[in-house]
Structures are given as C-alpha cells and as structure tokens.
Amino acid sequence: METIELTSALEQGKDTLEAIVKESGVQVTRCYQCGKCTGGCPVAFAMDKAPREIMRLLQLGLVEEALRSKTIWLCASCDTCSTRCPREVDIAKVMETLRIMAKKKGYITEKRMDLFHNLFLKSVETTGRVYEGGLVLGRNILGMQPFRDVHLGPSMFLKGKISPLPHIIKDNGEVKKIFANVRKRGGNV
C-alpha cells in the first residue's frame, strides 16, 4: 500500500486546487462528507471513486489522483449530487471543471466518453440541437465499433425515435454565438 504524506500533497496540489475553485466557483472545503451525493448518483456503481471520494481527494490536495479518475468522465452531469447536497456544494460543476482540466493535461481515461461529449457539442453547434442519428453513427465509426447497437436502429426509426436527417432549428445563429463566446473566453468546444 502506498503511503502519502498529506502535508506535502496539500502543498503540491494547492495551486491546482485554487484553479479548480476559481474555475468552478465552488468551495470544495464546504463538503463535510455526508455521502448524499454518492447515495443519489445514478452511475456511482460504475465509478472507480464515488463523488464523495473525489471531493475528499481535492480537500486533501490529491488533485492529480482526482484528475486521473474515471469518475469525472462517467459523471452524467445530471445534478442529482448537487441537488442533494445539504451544504449546497455544486459537485456536478466541480466534476465538469475537473474534466476540462484533465483534458488539457491529456488525462483522458475514458476516450469513448470524451468522443461522445465532443460529438454531442458539435451536433448542437451545427444544427442547434442534438442529431441523435449522427451522434450514434459518429460514435460508432470514430469509436471503431461500426456495428455497435446497429440492431436497434430500424425499430427506433420506425417508431420515430431517430431521423435519417437532422432537424435544424430555424435561427441557429444564436447557438453559434454561444459557442463563439465560449471559445472567445478560452473554452474548449
């Protein structure tokens, strides 16, 4: 078992932790480890570290360990954790901030989730909404699994759940402005 000296870990992770607090606007020290976030998380069963544990890693200055976790990529951004928090800590916002920081450092532990996020955002930017067919097709082709879930396509198409062509909103200019503004502020979309 690896021994970690917490005093030095806190000192080493201090600058990164301050950047996380600044970017997210969330004081991670407000978390008192009640576990309500983890108890309500719909994907906690698949995570390598529970949301509560990610918050504790940050509090202890073990930021690199949090950045290398699968958890930040598996987070569904559903806000259940943030809603349940009795201290009103926006854990979902912290997870998003950690994902952005991990991506900048090249710590993408779940490449398929990163691909999905990128395709999702590109779809919204291009059409003004999500084009499910393009999202699934892009994920399958770029994810090197061209026939994944292909058997579901015909029945979904016949039930009107997916369309062969994207539905483009009438004035996509406003959506494009949002993406341009995010890029102007240094966002990676």
N, C-alpha and C. Protein backbone atom coordinates (compact mmCIF):
# COMPACT_ATOMS: atom_id res chain seq x y z
N MET A 1 0.84 -1.18 0.00
CA MET A 1 0.00 0.00 0.00
C MET A 1 0.88 1.24 0.00
N GLU A 2 0.53 2.18 -0.83
CA GLU A 2 1.30 3.41 -0.97
C GLU A 2 1.00 4.36 0.19
N THR A 3 2.04 4.94 0.75
CA THR A 3 1.89 5.91 1.82
C THR A 3 1.97 7.31 1.23
N ILE A 4 1.05 8.16 1.60
CA ILE A 4 1.04 9.53 1.10
C ILE A 4 1.17 10.48 2.27
N GLU A 5 2.12 11.39 2.16
CA GLU A 5 2.28 12.41 3.18
C GLU A 5 1.33 13.55 2.82
N LEU A 6 0.29 13.73 3.61
CA LEU A 6 -0.77 14.68 3.27
C LEU A 6 -0.31 16.12 3.29
N THR A 7 0.62 16.47 4.17
CA THR A 7 1.08 17.85 4.22
C THR A 7 1.72 18.25 2.90
N SER A 8 2.58 17.40 2.36
CA SER A 8 3.22 17.73 1.09
C SER A 8 2.22 17.64 -0.06
N ALA A 9 1.27 16.71 0.02
CA ALA A 9 0.24 16.60 -1.03
C ALA A 9 -0.60 17.88 -1.06
N LEU A 10 -0.97 18.37 0.11
CA LEU A 10 -1.74 19.61 0.17
C LEU A 10 -0.96 20.77 -0.43
N GLU A 11 0.31 20.84 -0.13
CA GLU A 11 1.15 21.93 -0.64
C GLU A 11 1.31 21.82 -2.15
N GLN A 12 1.55 20.60 -2.65
CA GLN A 12 1.75 20.40 -4.08
C GLN A 12 0.47 20.66 -4.87
N GLY A 13 -0.68 20.29 -4.33
CA GLY A 13 -1.94 20.46 -5.04
C GLY A 13 -2.62 21.79 -4.82
N LYS A 14 -1.99 22.66 -4.02
CA LYS A 14 -2.63 23.92 -3.63
C LYS A 14 -2.96 24.82 -4.82
N ASP A 15 -2.02 25.00 -5.73
CA ASP A 15 -2.26 25.87 -6.89
C ASP A 15 -3.35 25.32 -7.79
N THR A 16 -3.30 24.00 -8.03
CA THR A 16 -4.32 23.38 -8.88
C THR A 16 -5.68 23.44 -8.22
N LEU A 17 -5.72 23.22 -6.91
CA LEU A 17 -6.98 23.30 -6.17
C LEU A 17 -7.55 24.71 -6.24
N GLU A 18 -6.70 25.71 -6.12
CA GLU A 18 -7.15 27.10 -6.24
C GLU A 18 -7.71 27.37 -7.63
N ALA A 19 -7.08 26.77 -8.65
CA ALA A 19 -7.59 26.93 -10.02
C ALA A 19 -8.96 26.27 -10.17
N ILE A 20 -9.15 25.12 -9.54
CA ILE A 20 -10.44 24.43 -9.60
C ILE A 20 -11.51 25.28 -8.93
N VAL A 21 -11.20 25.82 -7.77
CA VAL A 21 -12.15 26.68 -7.05
C VAL A 21 -12.47 27.91 -7.88
N LYS A 22 -11.47 28.51 -8.50
CA LYS A 22 -11.69 29.72 -9.32
C LYS A 22 -12.55 29.40 -10.54
N GLU A 23 -12.20 28.32 -11.25
CA GLU A 23 -12.94 27.94 -12.46
C GLU A 23 -14.37 27.52 -12.17
N SER A 24 -14.55 26.72 -11.13
CA SER A 24 -15.88 26.18 -10.84
C SER A 24 -16.74 27.13 -10.01
N GLY A 25 -16.07 27.99 -9.23
CA GLY A 25 -16.81 28.85 -8.31
C GLY A 25 -17.33 28.10 -7.10
N VAL A 26 -16.78 26.91 -6.86
CA VAL A 26 -17.26 26.05 -5.77
C VAL A 26 -16.15 25.89 -4.73
N GLN A 27 -16.50 26.09 -3.48
CA GLN A 27 -15.56 25.86 -2.37
C GLN A 27 -15.66 24.39 -1.97
N VAL A 28 -14.68 23.60 -2.38
CA VAL A 28 -14.73 22.17 -2.09
C VAL A 28 -14.60 21.89 -0.60
N THR A 29 -14.08 22.83 0.15
CA THR A 29 -13.93 22.63 1.60
C THR A 29 -15.28 22.65 2.33
N ARG A 30 -16.33 23.11 1.67
CA ARG A 30 -17.67 23.11 2.28
C ARG A 30 -18.23 21.69 2.42
N CYS A 31 -17.74 20.76 1.62
CA CYS A 31 -18.21 19.37 1.68
C CYS A 31 -17.78 18.74 3.00
N TYR A 32 -18.75 18.18 3.75
CA TYR A 32 -18.39 17.52 5.01
C TYR A 32 -18.58 16.00 4.94
N GLN A 33 -18.58 15.47 3.72
CA GLN A 33 -18.52 14.03 3.51
C GLN A 33 -19.72 13.26 4.04
N CYS A 34 -20.91 13.80 3.87
CA CYS A 34 -22.11 13.10 4.34
C CYS A 34 -22.47 11.91 3.44
N GLY A 35 -22.09 11.98 2.16
CA GLY A 35 -22.33 10.87 1.24
C GLY A 35 -23.64 10.94 0.49
N LYS A 36 -24.43 12.00 0.67
CA LYS A 36 -25.72 12.10 -0.03
C LYS A 36 -25.51 12.16 -1.55
N CYS A 37 -24.41 12.77 -1.98
CA CYS A 37 -24.12 12.86 -3.41
C CYS A 37 -23.95 11.47 -4.01
N THR A 38 -23.17 10.66 -3.33
CA THR A 38 -22.90 9.30 -3.81
C THR A 38 -24.15 8.44 -3.72
N GLY A 39 -24.92 8.61 -2.66
CA GLY A 39 -26.14 7.83 -2.48
C GLY A 39 -27.16 8.07 -3.58
N GLY A 40 -27.18 9.26 -4.16
CA GLY A 40 -28.14 9.57 -5.20
C GLY A 40 -27.60 9.45 -6.61
N CYS A 41 -26.31 9.24 -6.76
CA CYS A 41 -25.69 9.22 -8.09
C CYS A 41 -26.13 7.99 -8.88
N PRO A 42 -26.73 8.19 -10.08
CA PRO A 42 -27.21 7.05 -10.85
C PRO A 42 -26.10 6.23 -11.51
N VAL A 43 -24.88 6.75 -11.56
CA VAL A 43 -23.79 5.99 -12.17
C VAL A 43 -22.65 5.68 -11.20
N ALA A 44 -22.89 5.86 -9.91
CA ALA A 44 -21.86 5.58 -8.90
C ALA A 44 -21.37 4.13 -8.97
N PHE A 45 -22.25 3.23 -9.37
CA PHE A 45 -21.88 1.80 -9.44
C PHE A 45 -20.75 1.56 -10.43
N ALA A 46 -20.58 2.42 -11.43
CA ALA A 46 -19.57 2.22 -12.47
C ALA A 46 -18.30 3.04 -12.22
N MET A 47 -18.32 3.89 -11.23
CA MET A 47 -17.19 4.80 -10.99
C MET A 47 -16.09 4.11 -10.20
N ASP A 48 -14.85 4.53 -10.44
CA ASP A 48 -13.74 4.00 -9.65
C ASP A 48 -13.63 4.70 -8.30
N LYS A 49 -14.11 5.92 -8.23
CA LYS A 49 -14.16 6.67 -6.97
C LYS A 49 -15.52 7.34 -6.91
N ALA A 50 -16.18 7.25 -5.78
CA ALA A 50 -17.50 7.86 -5.63
C ALA A 50 -17.36 9.39 -5.66
N PRO A 51 -18.42 10.12 -5.99
CA PRO A 51 -18.34 11.59 -5.98
C PRO A 51 -17.82 12.14 -4.65
N ARG A 52 -18.24 11.55 -3.56
CA ARG A 52 -17.77 11.98 -2.23
C ARG A 52 -16.26 11.82 -2.12
N GLU A 53 -15.75 10.74 -2.68
CA GLU A 53 -14.30 10.48 -2.63
C GLU A 53 -13.52 11.48 -3.48
N ILE A 54 -14.08 11.86 -4.60
CA ILE A 54 -13.42 12.88 -5.44
C ILE A 54 -13.31 14.18 -4.65
N MET A 55 -14.39 14.56 -3.99
CA MET A 55 -14.36 15.78 -3.19
C MET A 55 -13.32 15.68 -2.07
N ARG A 56 -13.21 14.51 -1.46
CA ARG A 56 -12.23 14.32 -0.38
C ARG A 56 -10.81 14.38 -0.93
N LEU A 57 -10.57 13.79 -2.09
CA LEU A 57 -9.24 13.88 -2.71
C LEU A 57 -8.84 15.34 -2.90
N LEU A 58 -9.78 16.13 -3.38
CA LEU A 58 -9.49 17.55 -3.59
C LEU A 58 -9.19 18.25 -2.27
N GLN A 59 -9.97 17.95 -1.25
CA GLN A 59 -9.75 18.56 0.07
C GLN A 59 -8.37 18.21 0.62
N LEU A 60 -7.89 17.02 0.31
CA LEU A 60 -6.59 16.56 0.80
C LEU A 60 -5.42 17.00 -0.09
N GLY A 61 -5.75 17.69 -1.19
CA GLY A 61 -4.70 18.15 -2.08
C GLY A 61 -4.25 17.11 -3.09
N LEU A 62 -4.96 16.00 -3.18
CA LEU A 62 -4.61 14.92 -4.11
C LEU A 62 -5.32 15.14 -5.45
N VAL A 63 -5.07 16.30 -6.01
CA VAL A 63 -5.76 16.75 -7.22
C VAL A 63 -5.42 15.86 -8.41
N GLU A 64 -4.15 15.49 -8.55
CA GLU A 64 -3.74 14.65 -9.68
C GLU A 64 -4.51 13.32 -9.69
N GLU A 65 -4.71 12.76 -8.51
CA GLU A 65 -5.45 11.49 -8.43
C GLU A 65 -6.90 11.69 -8.88
N ALA A 66 -7.49 12.82 -8.51
CA ALA A 66 -8.85 13.12 -8.94
C ALA A 66 -8.90 13.33 -10.46
N LEU A 67 -7.90 14.02 -11.01
CA LEU A 67 -7.86 14.29 -12.44
C LEU A 67 -7.68 13.02 -13.28
N ARG A 68 -7.06 12.01 -12.70
CA ARG A 68 -6.82 10.76 -13.42
C ARG A 68 -7.93 9.72 -13.19
N SER A 69 -8.96 10.10 -12.49
CA SER A 69 -10.04 9.19 -12.16
C SER A 69 -11.01 9.01 -13.33
N LYS A 70 -11.58 7.81 -13.43
CA LYS A 70 -12.62 7.54 -14.42
C LYS A 70 -13.91 8.29 -14.05
N THR A 71 -14.09 8.52 -12.78
CA THR A 71 -15.32 9.12 -12.28
C THR A 71 -15.69 10.41 -12.98
N ILE A 72 -14.71 11.27 -13.19
CA ILE A 72 -15.03 12.57 -13.79
C ILE A 72 -15.54 12.44 -15.22
N TRP A 73 -15.18 11.34 -15.89
CA TRP A 73 -15.64 11.11 -17.25
C TRP A 73 -16.99 10.39 -17.27
N LEU A 74 -17.26 9.61 -16.23
CA LEU A 74 -18.52 8.86 -16.18
C LEU A 74 -19.67 9.69 -15.62
N CYS A 75 -19.36 10.79 -14.98
CA CYS A 75 -20.40 11.67 -14.41
C CYS A 75 -21.39 12.04 -15.51
N ALA A 76 -22.66 11.84 -15.23
CA ALA A 76 -23.72 12.10 -16.21
C ALA A 76 -24.15 13.57 -16.23
N SER A 77 -23.59 14.39 -15.36
CA SER A 77 -23.93 15.81 -15.26
C SER A 77 -25.43 16.00 -15.03
N CYS A 78 -26.02 15.10 -14.27
CA CYS A 78 -27.47 15.15 -14.03
C CYS A 78 -27.83 16.09 -12.88
N ASP A 79 -26.84 16.53 -12.11
CA ASP A 79 -27.01 17.46 -10.98
C ASP A 79 -27.70 16.84 -9.76
N THR A 80 -27.90 15.53 -9.74
CA THR A 80 -28.51 14.90 -8.58
C THR A 80 -27.65 15.15 -7.35
N CYS A 81 -26.34 15.01 -7.50
CA CYS A 81 -25.42 15.20 -6.37
C CYS A 81 -25.53 16.63 -5.82
N SER A 82 -25.55 17.59 -6.71
CA SER A 82 -25.61 19.00 -6.30
C SER A 82 -26.95 19.32 -5.63
N THR A 83 -28.01 18.74 -6.15
CA THR A 83 -29.34 18.97 -5.60
C THR A 83 -29.48 18.38 -4.20
N ARG A 84 -28.88 17.22 -3.99
CA ARG A 84 -28.99 16.53 -2.70
C ARG A 84 -28.08 17.11 -1.62
N CYS A 85 -27.07 17.86 -2.01
CA CYS A 85 -26.06 18.32 -1.07
C CYS A 85 -26.65 19.28 -0.03
N PRO A 86 -26.55 18.93 1.27
CA PRO A 86 -27.09 19.82 2.31
C PRO A 86 -26.26 21.10 2.48
N ARG A 87 -25.04 21.12 1.95
CA ARG A 87 -24.17 22.29 2.05
C ARG A 87 -24.19 23.11 0.76
N GLU A 88 -25.05 22.69 -0.20
CA GLU A 88 -25.21 23.36 -1.48
C GLU A 88 -23.90 23.46 -2.27
N VAL A 89 -23.10 22.39 -2.18
CA VAL A 89 -21.87 22.29 -2.96
C VAL A 89 -22.26 21.77 -4.35
N ASP A 90 -21.88 22.51 -5.39
CA ASP A 90 -22.21 22.12 -6.76
C ASP A 90 -21.17 21.11 -7.26
N ILE A 91 -21.35 19.87 -6.87
CA ILE A 91 -20.40 18.81 -7.19
C ILE A 91 -20.35 18.57 -8.70
N ALA A 92 -21.48 18.67 -9.37
CA ALA A 92 -21.51 18.47 -10.82
C ALA A 92 -20.64 19.50 -11.52
N LYS A 93 -20.63 20.71 -11.03
CA LYS A 93 -19.78 21.76 -11.60
C LYS A 93 -18.31 21.46 -11.36
N VAL A 94 -17.99 20.91 -10.19
CA VAL A 94 -16.61 20.51 -9.90
C VAL A 94 -16.19 19.40 -10.86
N MET A 95 -17.06 18.42 -11.08
CA MET A 95 -16.74 17.32 -12.00
C MET A 95 -16.48 17.85 -13.41
N GLU A 96 -17.30 18.80 -13.85
CA GLU A 96 -17.11 19.39 -15.17
C GLU A 96 -15.77 20.11 -15.25
N THR A 97 -15.44 20.87 -14.22
CA THR A 97 -14.18 21.58 -14.17
C THR A 97 -13.01 20.61 -14.20
N LEU A 98 -13.12 19.52 -13.45
CA LEU A 98 -12.06 18.50 -13.44
C LEU A 98 -11.89 17.86 -14.82
N ARG A 99 -13.02 17.61 -15.51
CA ARG A 99 -12.95 17.05 -16.87
C ARG A 99 -12.18 17.98 -17.80
N ILE A 100 -12.49 19.26 -17.73
CA ILE A 100 -11.83 20.25 -18.58
C ILE A 100 -10.33 20.29 -18.28
N MET A 101 -10.00 20.31 -17.00
CA MET A 101 -8.58 20.36 -16.60
C MET A 101 -7.86 19.08 -16.99
N ALA A 102 -8.50 17.94 -16.80
CA ALA A 102 -7.89 16.66 -17.15
C ALA A 102 -7.63 16.60 -18.65
N LYS A 103 -8.58 17.09 -19.43
CA LYS A 103 -8.42 17.08 -20.89
C LYS A 103 -7.25 17.95 -21.31
N LYS A 104 -7.11 19.11 -20.69
CA LYS A 104 -5.98 20.00 -21.01
C LYS A 104 -4.65 19.35 -20.67
N LYS A 105 -4.63 18.51 -19.64
CA LYS A 105 -3.40 17.83 -19.23
C LYS A 105 -3.19 16.51 -19.96
N GLY A 106 -4.16 16.11 -20.77
CA GLY A 106 -4.05 14.86 -21.51
C GLY A 106 -4.41 13.63 -20.70
N TYR A 107 -5.16 13.80 -19.62
CA TYR A 107 -5.57 12.67 -18.77
C TYR A 107 -6.96 12.19 -19.15
N ILE A 108 -7.14 11.75 -20.35
CA ILE A 108 -8.45 11.29 -20.79
C ILE A 108 -8.52 9.79 -20.57
N THR A 109 -9.08 9.38 -19.44
CA THR A 109 -9.11 7.97 -19.08
C THR A 109 -10.26 7.23 -19.76
N GLU A 110 -11.27 7.94 -20.17
CA GLU A 110 -12.42 7.34 -20.84
C GLU A 110 -12.58 7.99 -22.21
N LYS A 111 -11.84 7.50 -23.18
CA LYS A 111 -11.80 8.12 -24.51
C LYS A 111 -13.16 8.10 -25.20
N ARG A 112 -13.95 7.05 -24.98
CA ARG A 112 -15.28 7.00 -25.63
C ARG A 112 -16.21 8.07 -25.07
N MET A 113 -16.09 8.37 -23.77
CA MET A 113 -16.93 9.42 -23.19
C MET A 113 -16.51 10.78 -23.72
N ASP A 114 -15.21 10.99 -23.87
CA ASP A 114 -14.71 12.24 -24.43
C ASP A 114 -15.19 12.40 -25.87
N LEU A 115 -15.13 11.33 -26.64
CA LEU A 115 -15.62 11.34 -28.01
C LEU A 115 -17.11 11.69 -28.04
N PHE A 116 -17.87 11.06 -27.16
CA PHE A 116 -19.31 11.32 -27.09
C PHE A 116 -19.57 12.80 -26.77
N HIS A 117 -18.87 13.35 -25.78
CA HIS A 117 -19.04 14.77 -25.44
C HIS A 117 -18.74 15.67 -26.62
N ASN A 118 -17.63 15.39 -27.31
CA ASN A 118 -17.23 16.20 -28.46
C ASN A 118 -18.26 16.14 -29.59
N LEU A 119 -18.74 14.94 -29.89
CA LEU A 119 -19.74 14.77 -30.95
C LEU A 119 -21.06 15.43 -30.58
N PHE A 120 -21.43 15.31 -29.32
CA PHE A 120 -22.67 15.94 -28.82
C PHE A 120 -22.61 17.45 -29.03
N LEU A 121 -21.51 18.07 -28.59
CA LEU A 121 -21.38 19.52 -28.72
C LEU A 121 -21.31 19.95 -30.18
N LYS A 122 -20.62 19.20 -31.02
CA LYS A 122 -20.54 19.53 -32.44
C LYS A 122 -21.92 19.46 -33.08
N SER A 123 -22.72 18.48 -32.69
CA SER A 123 -24.07 18.34 -33.20
C SER A 123 -24.92 19.55 -32.83
N VAL A 124 -24.84 19.97 -31.57
CA VAL A 124 -25.62 21.13 -31.11
C VAL A 124 -25.16 22.39 -31.83
N GLU A 125 -23.84 22.54 -31.98
CA GLU A 125 -23.33 23.73 -32.67
C GLU A 125 -23.77 23.78 -34.13
N THR A 126 -23.77 22.65 -34.79
CA THR A 126 -24.09 22.59 -36.21
C THR A 126 -25.58 22.74 -36.49
N THR A 127 -26.42 22.05 -35.73
CA THR A 127 -27.85 22.01 -36.04
C THR A 127 -28.72 22.80 -35.06
N GLY A 128 -28.13 23.18 -33.92
CA GLY A 128 -28.91 23.89 -32.91
C GLY A 128 -29.56 22.95 -31.91
N ARG A 129 -29.42 21.67 -32.14
CA ARG A 129 -29.95 20.64 -31.24
C ARG A 129 -29.19 19.35 -31.50
N VAL A 130 -29.48 18.33 -30.75
CA VAL A 130 -28.76 17.06 -30.93
C VAL A 130 -29.38 16.27 -32.06
N TYR A 131 -28.54 15.85 -32.98
CA TYR A 131 -28.96 14.96 -34.05
C TYR A 131 -28.53 13.55 -33.63
N GLU A 132 -29.48 12.80 -33.08
CA GLU A 132 -29.19 11.51 -32.47
C GLU A 132 -28.56 10.53 -33.45
N GLY A 133 -29.08 10.49 -34.67
CA GLY A 133 -28.55 9.56 -35.67
C GLY A 133 -27.09 9.85 -35.97
N GLY A 134 -26.76 11.10 -36.14
CA GLY A 134 -25.37 11.49 -36.40
C GLY A 134 -24.48 11.22 -35.20
N LEU A 135 -25.03 11.44 -34.01
CA LEU A 135 -24.28 11.19 -32.78
C LEU A 135 -23.91 9.71 -32.65
N VAL A 136 -24.89 8.85 -32.87
CA VAL A 136 -24.66 7.41 -32.77
C VAL A 136 -23.72 6.95 -33.87
N LEU A 137 -23.94 7.40 -35.08
CA LEU A 137 -23.10 7.00 -36.21
C LEU A 137 -21.65 7.46 -36.00
N GLY A 138 -21.49 8.71 -35.57
CA GLY A 138 -20.15 9.24 -35.31
C GLY A 138 -19.44 8.48 -34.21
N ARG A 139 -20.18 8.19 -33.13
CA ARG A 139 -19.59 7.44 -32.02
C ARG A 139 -19.16 6.05 -32.47
N ASN A 140 -20.00 5.40 -33.26
CA ASN A 140 -19.67 4.06 -33.71
C ASN A 140 -18.47 4.05 -34.66
N ILE A 141 -18.47 4.95 -35.62
CA ILE A 141 -17.38 4.95 -36.61
C ILE A 141 -16.07 5.43 -35.98
N LEU A 142 -16.10 6.57 -35.32
CA LEU A 142 -14.87 7.11 -34.73
C LEU A 142 -14.42 6.30 -33.52
N GLY A 143 -15.34 5.62 -32.87
CA GLY A 143 -15.01 4.77 -31.73
C GLY A 143 -14.59 3.36 -32.15
N MET A 144 -14.47 3.14 -33.45
CA MET A 144 -14.03 1.86 -34.00
C MET A 144 -14.95 0.70 -33.63
N GLN A 145 -16.24 0.98 -33.51
CA GLN A 145 -17.25 -0.05 -33.26
C GLN A 145 -18.42 0.19 -34.22
N PRO A 146 -18.18 0.01 -35.53
CA PRO A 146 -19.18 0.42 -36.53
C PRO A 146 -20.54 -0.26 -36.41
N PHE A 147 -20.60 -1.44 -35.84
CA PHE A 147 -21.87 -2.16 -35.78
C PHE A 147 -22.48 -2.19 -34.37
N ARG A 148 -21.94 -1.40 -33.48
CA ARG A 148 -22.46 -1.38 -32.11
C ARG A 148 -23.92 -0.91 -32.11
N ASP A 149 -24.78 -1.66 -31.51
CA ASP A 149 -26.20 -1.35 -31.35
C ASP A 149 -26.94 -1.13 -32.68
N VAL A 150 -26.36 -1.59 -33.79
CA VAL A 150 -26.98 -1.37 -35.10
C VAL A 150 -28.35 -2.05 -35.20
N HIS A 151 -28.56 -3.12 -34.45
CA HIS A 151 -29.84 -3.83 -34.49
C HIS A 151 -30.99 -2.99 -33.91
N LEU A 152 -30.67 -1.96 -33.16
CA LEU A 152 -31.71 -1.10 -32.57
C LEU A 152 -32.21 -0.03 -33.55
N GLY A 153 -31.41 0.28 -34.55
CA GLY A 153 -31.73 1.35 -35.49
C GLY A 153 -33.07 1.24 -36.20
N PRO A 154 -33.36 0.11 -36.86
CA PRO A 154 -34.61 0.01 -37.61
C PRO A 154 -35.86 0.24 -36.77
N SER A 155 -35.92 -0.38 -35.58
CA SER A 155 -37.13 -0.21 -34.76
C SER A 155 -37.23 1.23 -34.23
N MET A 156 -36.10 1.83 -33.91
CA MET A 156 -36.14 3.23 -33.45
C MET A 156 -36.60 4.15 -34.57
N PHE A 157 -36.14 3.88 -35.80
CA PHE A 157 -36.55 4.68 -36.95
C PHE A 157 -38.04 4.52 -37.21
N LEU A 158 -38.55 3.29 -37.17
CA LEU A 158 -39.97 3.03 -37.43
C LEU A 158 -40.86 3.65 -36.36
N LYS A 159 -40.36 3.77 -35.14
CA LYS A 159 -41.13 4.38 -34.05
C LYS A 159 -40.96 5.90 -34.01
N GLY A 160 -40.18 6.45 -34.94
CA GLY A 160 -39.99 7.90 -34.99
C GLY A 160 -39.03 8.44 -33.93
N LYS A 161 -38.21 7.56 -33.36
CA LYS A 161 -37.28 7.99 -32.31
C LYS A 161 -36.00 8.59 -32.87
N ILE A 162 -35.61 8.18 -34.08
CA ILE A 162 -34.46 8.78 -34.75
C ILE A 162 -34.85 9.09 -36.18
N SER A 163 -34.18 10.07 -36.72
CA SER A 163 -34.46 10.51 -38.08
C SER A 163 -33.21 10.32 -38.94
N PRO A 164 -33.38 10.00 -40.22
CA PRO A 164 -32.20 9.85 -41.07
C PRO A 164 -31.50 11.19 -41.33
N LEU A 165 -32.25 12.28 -41.22
CA LEU A 165 -31.68 13.60 -41.45
C LEU A 165 -31.84 14.47 -40.20
N PRO A 166 -30.91 15.38 -39.98
CA PRO A 166 -31.02 16.23 -38.79
C PRO A 166 -32.13 17.27 -38.93
N HIS A 167 -32.72 17.62 -37.81
CA HIS A 167 -33.68 18.73 -37.76
C HIS A 167 -32.88 19.96 -37.34
N ILE A 168 -32.82 20.93 -38.21
CA ILE A 168 -32.02 22.13 -37.93
C ILE A 168 -32.97 23.23 -37.47
N ILE A 169 -32.66 23.88 -36.36
CA ILE A 169 -33.52 24.95 -35.89
C ILE A 169 -33.44 26.12 -36.86
N LYS A 170 -34.50 26.93 -36.90
CA LYS A 170 -34.61 27.99 -37.90
C LYS A 170 -33.50 29.03 -37.78
N ASP A 171 -33.27 29.56 -36.59
CA ASP A 171 -32.23 30.57 -36.43
C ASP A 171 -31.11 30.00 -35.56
N ASN A 172 -30.19 29.32 -36.21
CA ASN A 172 -29.08 28.70 -35.49
C ASN A 172 -27.99 29.72 -35.13
N GLY A 173 -28.17 30.95 -35.54
CA GLY A 173 -27.18 31.99 -35.28
C GLY A 173 -26.94 32.22 -33.80
N GLU A 174 -28.00 32.15 -33.00
CA GLU A 174 -27.86 32.37 -31.55
C GLU A 174 -27.03 31.26 -30.91
N VAL A 175 -27.25 30.03 -31.35
CA VAL A 175 -26.49 28.91 -30.82
C VAL A 175 -25.02 29.06 -31.21
N LYS A 176 -24.78 29.43 -32.45
CA LYS A 176 -23.40 29.63 -32.92
C LYS A 176 -22.71 30.76 -32.14
N LYS A 177 -23.47 31.78 -31.75
CA LYS A 177 -22.91 32.87 -30.94
C LYS A 177 -22.48 32.36 -29.56
N ILE A 178 -23.26 31.46 -29.01
CA ILE A 178 -22.92 30.88 -27.70
C ILE A 178 -21.58 30.14 -27.80
N PHE A 179 -21.44 29.31 -28.82
CA PHE A 179 -20.19 28.56 -29.00
C PHE A 179 -19.02 29.50 -29.27
N ALA A 180 -19.24 30.55 -30.07
CA ALA A 180 -18.18 31.52 -30.35
C ALA A 180 -17.76 32.24 -29.06
N ASN A 181 -18.74 32.57 -28.22
CA ASN A 181 -18.45 33.24 -26.96
C ASN A 181 -17.64 32.34 -26.02
N VAL A 182 -17.99 31.06 -25.99
CA VAL A 182 -17.25 30.11 -25.15
C VAL A 182 -15.80 30.02 -25.63
N ARG A 183 -15.60 29.94 -26.94
CA ARG A 183 -14.23 29.87 -27.50
C ARG A 183 -13.46 31.17 -27.20
N LYS A 184 -14.14 32.29 -27.31
CA LYS A 184 -13.52 33.58 -27.05
C LYS A 184 -13.02 33.66 -25.60
N ARG A 185 -13.75 33.02 -24.69
CA ARG A 185 -13.37 33.02 -23.28
C ARG A 185 -12.38 31.92 -22.93
N GLY A 186 -11.93 31.19 -23.94
CA GLY A 186 -10.93 30.15 -23.71
C GLY A 186 -11.50 28.77 -23.53
N GLY A 187 -12.79 28.61 -23.75
CA GLY A 187 -13.41 27.29 -23.62
C GLY A 187 -13.04 26.39 -24.76
N ASN A 188 -13.09 25.11 -24.52
CA ASN A 188 -12.70 24.11 -25.50
C ASN A 188 -13.93 23.35 -25.96
N VAL A 189 -14.62 23.86 -26.98
CA VAL A 189 -15.79 23.18 -27.53
C VAL A 189 -15.61 22.95 -29.01
